[in-house]
């Protein structure tokens, strides 16, 4: 008897991408690494979701899971990933491969390592285009030149024959974007797209992604540890810590009314340019947790200055679940809404 077809999650009918309880664990010699441990979110067409958190929080692994790039022998992947009504986790790998590049695409963090050093930029864009279109090399190269021009590469007809190492960092990132967008994907995942670029190039890359999103109506996931990038780009924000989502909501709510101590820490460590800085930046004390030995209870409790407020040591024994605390605003914390409101209003917000 055939297994029943998966049913799209309720409440996500208008979402182009819907992720439900995504878990990505890896078997290693040291133990089971729980890189992503139950993450859920939706992204609609034309909107941008920002995923933020420290290095090792599970941001990039989440994005690679959506793209279907964790089908390895030591990976355990479960949950549901719905792309335009089609479930991907249980789908045939060949079908996911056909969707990759055409319906969903990714801008990788380091284009120099993501691109093949032995092939020209044009050859790699041509290959990405011809995989999904039955066209000749001449037409595909014309399309590659067109895309390089659209992302701002000077003299694209000449630079299409250049190798990745002949481009500057900013130009390589633009070429990576051209390759990602050559098939007009409806979902674009940008993994730290401005890392290691100077601020003027960063602004140009973000403007480029925003303009192309408006043109194509794409859903965008922006993965970064830079809250400044998120503030400029995102409609919604998902804050990850220890492989889990600790806060999720509209950008304005997460920036101006955050309700998780880890989010407070991230905001306190971000410089502000819109007013004079009265005090030094406040770093989040301690180090991110090991994803092999995640602390029991709330994973943030060893670093949380408010871990002793909830009674009965619940912070260290019971893992908090995401709870709705406002319109499309969720947080996972054992403190009561009133306690968090008071701490934010009286202690945290005045210092930011």
Protein backbone atom coordinates (compact mmCIF):
# COMPACT_ATOMS: atom_id res chain seq x y z
CA UNK A 1 0.00 0.00 0.00
CA UNK A 2 1.38 3.44 -0.96
CA UNK A 3 2.15 5.86 1.84
CA UNK A 4 -0.27 8.81 2.08
CA UNK A 5 0.91 11.95 0.34
CA UNK A 6 2.19 14.65 2.72
CA UNK A 7 -0.24 17.43 3.51
CA UNK A 8 0.87 21.06 3.57
CA UNK A 9 0.81 22.63 7.05
CA UNK A 10 -2.27 24.62 7.98
CA UNK A 11 -1.85 28.38 8.31
CA UNK A 12 0.87 28.47 5.66
CA UNK A 13 -1.35 28.54 2.57
CA UNK A 14 0.04 31.88 1.43
CA UNK A 15 3.69 31.07 2.25
CA UNK A 16 5.99 30.24 -0.65
CA UNK A 17 8.39 28.45 1.72
CA UNK A 18 7.13 26.75 4.87
CA UNK A 19 9.54 24.92 7.20
CA UNK A 20 8.13 22.77 9.99
CA UNK A 21 10.12 21.19 12.84
CA UNK A 22 13.31 20.89 10.78
CA UNK A 23 15.97 18.79 12.50
CA UNK A 24 19.44 18.18 11.10
CA UNK A 25 21.71 16.04 13.24
CA UNK A 26 25.13 14.63 12.37
CA UNK A 27 26.74 11.44 13.67
CA UNK A 28 30.39 12.14 14.51
CA UNK A 29 33.15 10.36 16.39
CA UNK A 30 32.57 12.74 19.32
CA UNK A 31 28.82 12.24 19.45
CA UNK A 32 25.58 13.45 17.88
CA UNK A 33 25.77 17.07 16.72
CA UNK A 34 22.32 18.67 16.86
CA UNK A 35 23.01 21.48 14.40
CA UNK A 36 19.32 22.26 13.84
CA UNK A 37 16.88 20.98 16.43
CA UNK A 38 13.28 21.79 15.58
CA UNK A 39 13.11 25.04 13.58
CA UNK A 40 9.90 26.32 11.94
CA UNK A 41 9.22 29.42 9.84
CA UNK A 42 7.41 30.75 6.76
CA UNK A 43 8.56 33.06 3.96
CA UNK A 44 6.15 34.68 1.53
CA UNK A 45 6.80 35.86 -2.01
CA UNK A 46 8.38 39.29 -2.16
CA UNK A 47 9.33 39.20 1.53
CA UNK A 48 12.67 38.81 3.31
CA UNK A 49 13.32 36.69 6.39
CA UNK A 50 16.48 37.48 8.33
CA UNK A 51 18.04 34.61 10.30
CA UNK A 52 20.50 35.87 12.91
CA UNK A 53 22.68 34.40 15.62
CA UNK A 54 26.30 33.80 16.55
CA UNK A 55 28.57 31.46 14.61
CA UNK A 56 27.58 27.88 15.32
CA UNK A 57 23.94 28.66 16.06
CA UNK A 58 22.68 26.63 13.07
CA UNK A 59 21.88 29.38 10.57
CA UNK A 60 23.81 28.07 7.58
CA UNK A 61 22.92 24.43 8.28
CA UNK A 62 19.25 25.44 8.19
CA UNK A 63 19.67 27.05 4.78
CA UNK A 64 21.56 24.06 3.38
CA UNK A 65 18.81 21.82 4.70
CA UNK A 66 16.20 23.83 2.80
CA UNK A 67 18.31 23.42 -0.34
CA UNK A 68 18.55 19.67 0.19
CA UNK A 69 22.34 19.70 0.52
CA UNK A 70 22.60 17.51 3.64
CA UNK A 71 21.83 14.14 2.10
CA UNK A 72 25.00 12.50 3.43
CA UNK A 73 25.61 9.21 5.21
CA UNK A 74 26.14 10.77 8.64
CA UNK A 75 23.23 13.26 8.44
CA UNK A 76 19.84 12.69 10.04
CA UNK A 77 17.29 15.05 8.49
CA UNK A 78 13.64 15.16 9.54
CA UNK A 79 10.72 17.56 9.53
CA UNK A 80 9.03 19.17 6.56
CA UNK A 81 10.15 21.74 3.99
CA UNK A 82 7.33 22.93 1.72
CA UNK A 83 8.31 24.92 -1.37
CA UNK A 84 5.35 26.27 -3.31
CA UNK A 85 3.19 23.39 -2.08
CA UNK A 86 5.79 20.66 -2.69
CA UNK A 87 7.41 18.81 0.22
CA UNK A 88 11.19 18.45 -0.19
CA UNK A 89 12.50 16.35 2.73
CA UNK A 90 10.69 13.21 1.58
CA UNK A 91 10.99 14.06 -2.13
CA UNK A 92 13.17 12.18 -4.58
CA UNK A 93 16.72 13.66 -4.55
CA UNK A 94 16.65 14.03 -8.33
CA UNK A 95 13.50 16.13 -8.10
CA UNK A 96 15.08 18.38 -5.46
CA UNK A 97 18.14 18.70 -7.71
CA UNK A 98 15.92 19.87 -10.56
CA UNK A 99 14.39 22.52 -8.31
CA UNK A 100 17.77 23.71 -7.09
CA UNK A 101 18.97 26.56 -9.26
CA UNK A 102 15.64 26.90 -11.07
CA UNK A 103 13.11 27.44 -8.30
CA UNK A 104 15.45 28.02 -5.37
CA UNK A 105 19.03 29.25 -5.36
CA UNK A 106 21.70 30.16 -2.85
CA UNK A 107 24.38 32.83 -2.62
CA UNK A 108 27.17 31.16 -0.66
CA UNK A 109 29.24 32.85 2.00
CA UNK A 110 32.59 32.58 0.20
CA UNK A 111 32.27 32.80 -3.59
CA UNK A 112 35.96 32.03 -4.09
CA UNK A 113 35.50 28.56 -2.60
CA UNK A 114 31.99 28.12 -4.04
CA UNK A 115 33.21 28.69 -7.60
CA UNK A 116 35.46 26.27 -9.45
CA UNK A 117 38.94 27.81 -9.89
CA UNK A 118 39.64 25.98 -13.19
CA UNK A 119 36.60 27.32 -15.08
CA UNK A 120 35.82 30.85 -16.12
CA UNK A 121 32.99 32.80 -14.52
CA UNK A 122 31.08 32.59 -17.79
CA UNK A 123 31.48 28.82 -18.12
CA UNK A 124 30.03 28.32 -14.65
CA UNK A 125 27.05 30.61 -15.25
CA UNK A 126 26.47 28.93 -18.63
CA UNK A 127 26.44 25.51 -16.99
CA UNK A 128 23.98 26.66 -14.33
CA UNK A 129 21.69 27.99 -17.07
CA UNK A 130 21.90 25.03 -19.46
CA UNK A 131 21.07 22.51 -16.72
CA UNK A 132 17.53 23.93 -16.69
CA UNK A 133 17.14 25.20 -20.26
CA UNK A 134 17.59 23.46 -23.58
CA UNK A 135 19.69 26.13 -25.26
CA UNK A 136 22.99 26.20 -27.11
CA UNK A 137 26.26 27.45 -25.66
CA UNK A 138 26.06 30.69 -27.64
CA UNK A 139 22.64 31.64 -26.27
CA UNK A 140 23.64 30.58 -22.78
CA UNK A 141 26.77 32.74 -22.92
CA UNK A 142 24.67 35.68 -24.09
CA UNK A 143 22.49 35.11 -21.01
CA UNK A 144 25.62 35.00 -18.79
CA UNK A 145 26.83 38.34 -20.17
CA UNK A 146 23.37 39.82 -19.61
CA UNK A 147 23.34 38.69 -15.98
CA UNK A 148 26.85 39.98 -15.30
CA UNK A 149 25.76 43.33 -16.70
CA UNK A 150 22.67 43.38 -14.50
CA UNK A 151 24.68 42.81 -11.34
CA UNK A 152 27.05 45.64 -12.18
CA UNK A 153 30.15 43.89 -13.56
CA UNK A 154 31.96 46.38 -15.83
CA UNK A 155 32.65 45.28 -19.42
CA UNK A 156 30.70 42.03 -18.94
CA UNK A 157 31.37 40.81 -22.49
CA UNK A 158 35.08 40.70 -21.65
CA UNK A 159 34.92 39.74 -17.98
CA UNK A 160 32.71 36.73 -18.73
CA UNK A 161 35.91 34.92 -19.75
CA UNK A 162 37.75 35.79 -16.52
CA UNK A 163 38.53 33.28 -13.77
CA UNK A 164 37.27 33.73 -10.19
CA UNK A 165 40.71 34.68 -8.86
CA UNK A 166 40.84 37.56 -11.36
CA UNK A 167 37.84 39.23 -9.72
CA UNK A 168 37.92 41.33 -6.56
CA UNK A 169 35.91 40.16 -3.55
CA UNK A 170 32.98 42.41 -4.36
CA UNK A 171 32.98 41.40 -8.03
CA UNK A 172 33.11 37.70 -7.12
CA UNK A 173 30.10 38.21 -4.88
CA UNK A 174 28.27 39.92 -7.76
CA UNK A 175 29.18 37.06 -10.08
CA UNK A 176 27.87 34.61 -7.48
CA UNK A 177 24.60 36.54 -7.39
CA UNK A 178 24.45 36.48 -11.21
CA UNK A 179 24.90 32.70 -11.16
CA UNK A 180 22.22 32.32 -8.48
CA UNK A 181 19.71 34.47 -10.37
CA UNK A 182 20.38 33.27 -13.91
CA UNK A 183 17.29 31.04 -13.81
CA UNK A 184 15.04 33.60 -12.10
CA UNK A 185 14.55 31.53 -8.91
CA UNK A 186 11.51 32.23 -6.75
CA UNK A 187 13.45 31.62 -3.51
CA UNK A 188 16.88 33.15 -2.92
CA UNK A 189 18.94 32.23 0.16
CA UNK A 190 21.84 34.61 0.87
CA UNK A 191 24.32 33.17 3.39
CA UNK A 192 26.42 36.01 4.83
CA UNK A 193 26.48 37.77 1.44
CA UNK A 194 28.51 40.75 2.68
CA UNK A 195 31.09 39.03 4.88
CA UNK A 196 34.66 40.36 4.43
CA UNK A 197 33.50 43.12 2.05
CA UNK A 198 34.14 46.80 2.76
CA UNK A 199 31.14 48.86 3.79
CA UNK A 200 30.58 50.57 0.43
CA UNK A 201 30.59 47.23 -1.40
CA UNK A 202 28.31 45.80 1.29
CA UNK A 203 25.77 48.53 0.63
CA UNK A 204 25.97 47.94 -3.13
CA UNK A 205 25.41 44.18 -2.72
CA UNK A 206 22.40 44.71 -0.44
CA UNK A 207 20.93 47.27 -2.84
CA UNK A 208 21.44 44.80 -5.68
CA UNK A 209 19.65 41.97 -3.84
CA UNK A 210 16.80 44.32 -2.92
CA UNK A 211 16.40 45.58 -6.50
CA UNK A 212 16.48 42.08 -7.96
CA UNK A 213 13.96 40.91 -5.37
CA UNK A 214 11.57 43.68 -6.43
CA UNK A 215 12.06 42.78 -10.08
CA UNK A 216 11.54 39.03 -9.71
CA UNK A 217 9.21 39.04 -6.67
CA UNK A 218 11.43 36.45 -5.01
CA UNK A 219 11.19 35.27 -1.43
CA UNK A 220 14.55 35.94 0.25
CA UNK A 221 16.24 34.42 3.30
CA UNK A 222 19.11 36.58 4.56
CA UNK A 223 21.45 34.70 6.90
CA UNK A 224 23.84 36.90 8.85
CA UNK A 225 25.31 37.76 12.23
CA UNK A 226 25.17 41.45 11.26
CA UNK A 227 22.04 43.01 12.76
CA UNK A 228 22.64 46.14 10.70
CA UNK A 229 22.11 44.12 7.52
CA UNK A 230 18.95 42.60 8.95
CA UNK A 231 17.59 45.99 10.00
CA UNK A 232 17.97 47.24 6.44
CA UNK A 233 16.67 44.19 4.58
CA UNK A 234 14.32 42.00 6.61
CA UNK A 235 10.54 42.02 7.01
CA UNK A 236 10.67 39.23 9.61
CA UNK A 237 13.49 38.03 11.87
CA UNK A 238 14.29 34.60 13.30
CA UNK A 239 16.86 34.52 16.13
CA UNK A 240 18.71 31.20 16.51
CA UNK A 241 20.69 29.91 19.47
CA UNK A 242 22.07 26.42 20.01
CA UNK A 243 20.34 25.04 16.92
CA UNK A 244 16.90 26.30 17.92
CA UNK A 245 14.75 29.36 17.35
CA UNK A 246 14.53 31.49 20.51
CA UNK A 247 12.61 34.44 19.06
CA UNK A 248 10.70 35.10 15.86
CA UNK A 249 8.59 37.99 14.65
CA UNK A 250 8.31 41.11 12.54
CA UNK A 251 11.51 43.10 12.29
CA UNK A 252 10.09 46.09 14.17
CA UNK A 253 8.94 43.87 17.05
CA UNK A 254 12.26 42.05 17.36
CA UNK A 255 14.26 45.30 17.23
CA UNK A 256 12.06 47.56 19.33
CA UNK A 257 10.22 45.12 21.62
CA UNK A 258 12.41 41.99 21.87
CA UNK A 259 11.37 39.44 24.47
CA UNK A 260 14.32 37.06 24.80
CA UNK A 261 17.51 37.76 26.81
CA UNK A 262 19.70 36.49 23.96
CA UNK A 263 18.13 38.98 21.56
CA UNK A 264 18.79 41.69 24.14
CA UNK A 265 22.43 40.61 24.17
CA UNK A 266 22.71 40.78 20.38
CA UNK A 267 21.18 44.26 20.32
CA UNK A 268 23.46 45.43 23.14
CA UNK A 269 26.54 44.38 21.16
CA UNK A 270 25.46 46.29 18.03
CA UNK A 271 26.83 49.81 17.48
CA UNK A 272 24.28 52.58 16.87
CA UNK A 273 24.89 55.37 14.37
CA UNK A 274 21.59 57.20 14.84
CA UNK A 275 22.56 58.66 18.21
CA UNK A 276 25.60 59.31 20.40
CA UNK A 277 26.92 56.20 22.11
CA UNK A 278 26.92 56.91 25.86
CA UNK A 279 28.45 53.66 27.06
CA UNK A 280 30.64 50.86 25.76
CA UNK A 281 29.00 48.07 23.79
CA UNK A 282 27.77 45.22 25.99
CA UNK A 283 29.02 41.83 24.77
CA UNK A 284 27.09 38.63 25.41
CA UNK A 285 29.10 36.98 28.18
CA UNK A 286 30.45 33.48 27.72
CA UNK A 287 30.68 31.34 24.60
CA UNK A 288 28.11 29.65 22.37
CA UNK A 289 27.21 26.13 23.51
CA UNK A 290 28.58 22.91 22.09
CA UNK A 291 25.99 21.39 19.78
CA UNK A 292 27.05 17.96 21.04
CA UNK A 293 26.47 18.83 24.71
CA UNK A 294 23.77 21.49 24.62
CA UNK A 295 22.96 22.67 28.18
CA UNK A 296 19.84 21.16 29.69
CA UNK A 297 16.80 23.35 30.11
CA UNK A 298 17.16 26.65 28.29
CA UNK A 299 20.35 26.40 26.23
CA UNK A 300 21.10 30.06 26.98
CA UNK A 301 20.91 29.63 30.76
CA UNK A 302 24.72 29.48 31.43
CA UNK A 303 25.08 32.94 29.83
CA UNK A 304 21.75 34.47 30.86
CA UNK A 305 21.92 37.12 33.62
CA UNK A 306 18.24 36.44 34.39
CA UNK A 307 18.40 32.64 34.67
CA UNK A 308 17.59 32.70 38.40
CA UNK A 309 14.39 34.72 38.09
CA UNK A 310 12.07 31.78 37.21
CA UNK A 311 11.35 29.62 40.28
CA UNK A 312 12.26 25.98 40.96
CA UNK A 313 15.40 26.11 38.79
CA UNK A 314 13.14 25.53 35.78
CA UNK A 315 15.56 27.41 33.53
CA UNK A 316 18.15 24.65 33.96
CA UNK A 317 15.83 21.66 33.82
CA UNK A 318 13.01 22.37 31.35
CA UNK A 319 13.52 23.46 27.77
CA UNK A 320 11.22 26.40 26.96
CA UNK A 321 9.08 26.17 23.84
CA UNK A 322 8.25 29.01 21.49
CA UNK A 323 5.14 30.77 22.78
CA UNK A 324 3.05 33.41 21.04
CA UNK A 325 3.52 36.70 22.93
CA UNK A 326 1.98 39.10 20.43
CA UNK A 327 0.75 39.41 16.89
CA UNK A 328 3.12 37.15 14.89
CA UNK A 329 5.72 37.41 17.68
CA UNK A 330 7.08 34.30 19.46
CA UNK A 331 9.74 33.81 22.13
CA UNK A 332 11.06 30.83 24.11
CA UNK A 333 11.75 31.98 27.68
CA UNK A 334 10.65 30.84 31.15
CA UNK A 335 10.25 34.37 32.48
CA UNK A 336 6.70 35.69 32.48
CA UNK A 337 5.71 38.28 29.87
CA UNK A 338 5.44 40.86 32.67
CA UNK A 339 8.96 40.13 33.92
CA UNK A 340 10.40 40.44 30.42
CA UNK A 341 8.46 43.65 29.76
CA UNK A 342 9.81 45.20 32.97
CA UNK A 343 13.43 44.17 32.34
CA UNK A 344 13.33 45.42 28.74
CA UNK A 345 11.69 48.74 29.63
CA UNK A 346 13.66 49.54 32.80
CA UNK A 347 17.06 47.89 32.29
CA UNK A 348 17.82 47.08 28.66
CA UNK A 349 16.16 49.64 26.39
CA UNK A 350 17.61 52.72 28.20
CA UNK A 351 21.15 51.43 27.54
CA UNK A 352 20.69 50.78 23.81
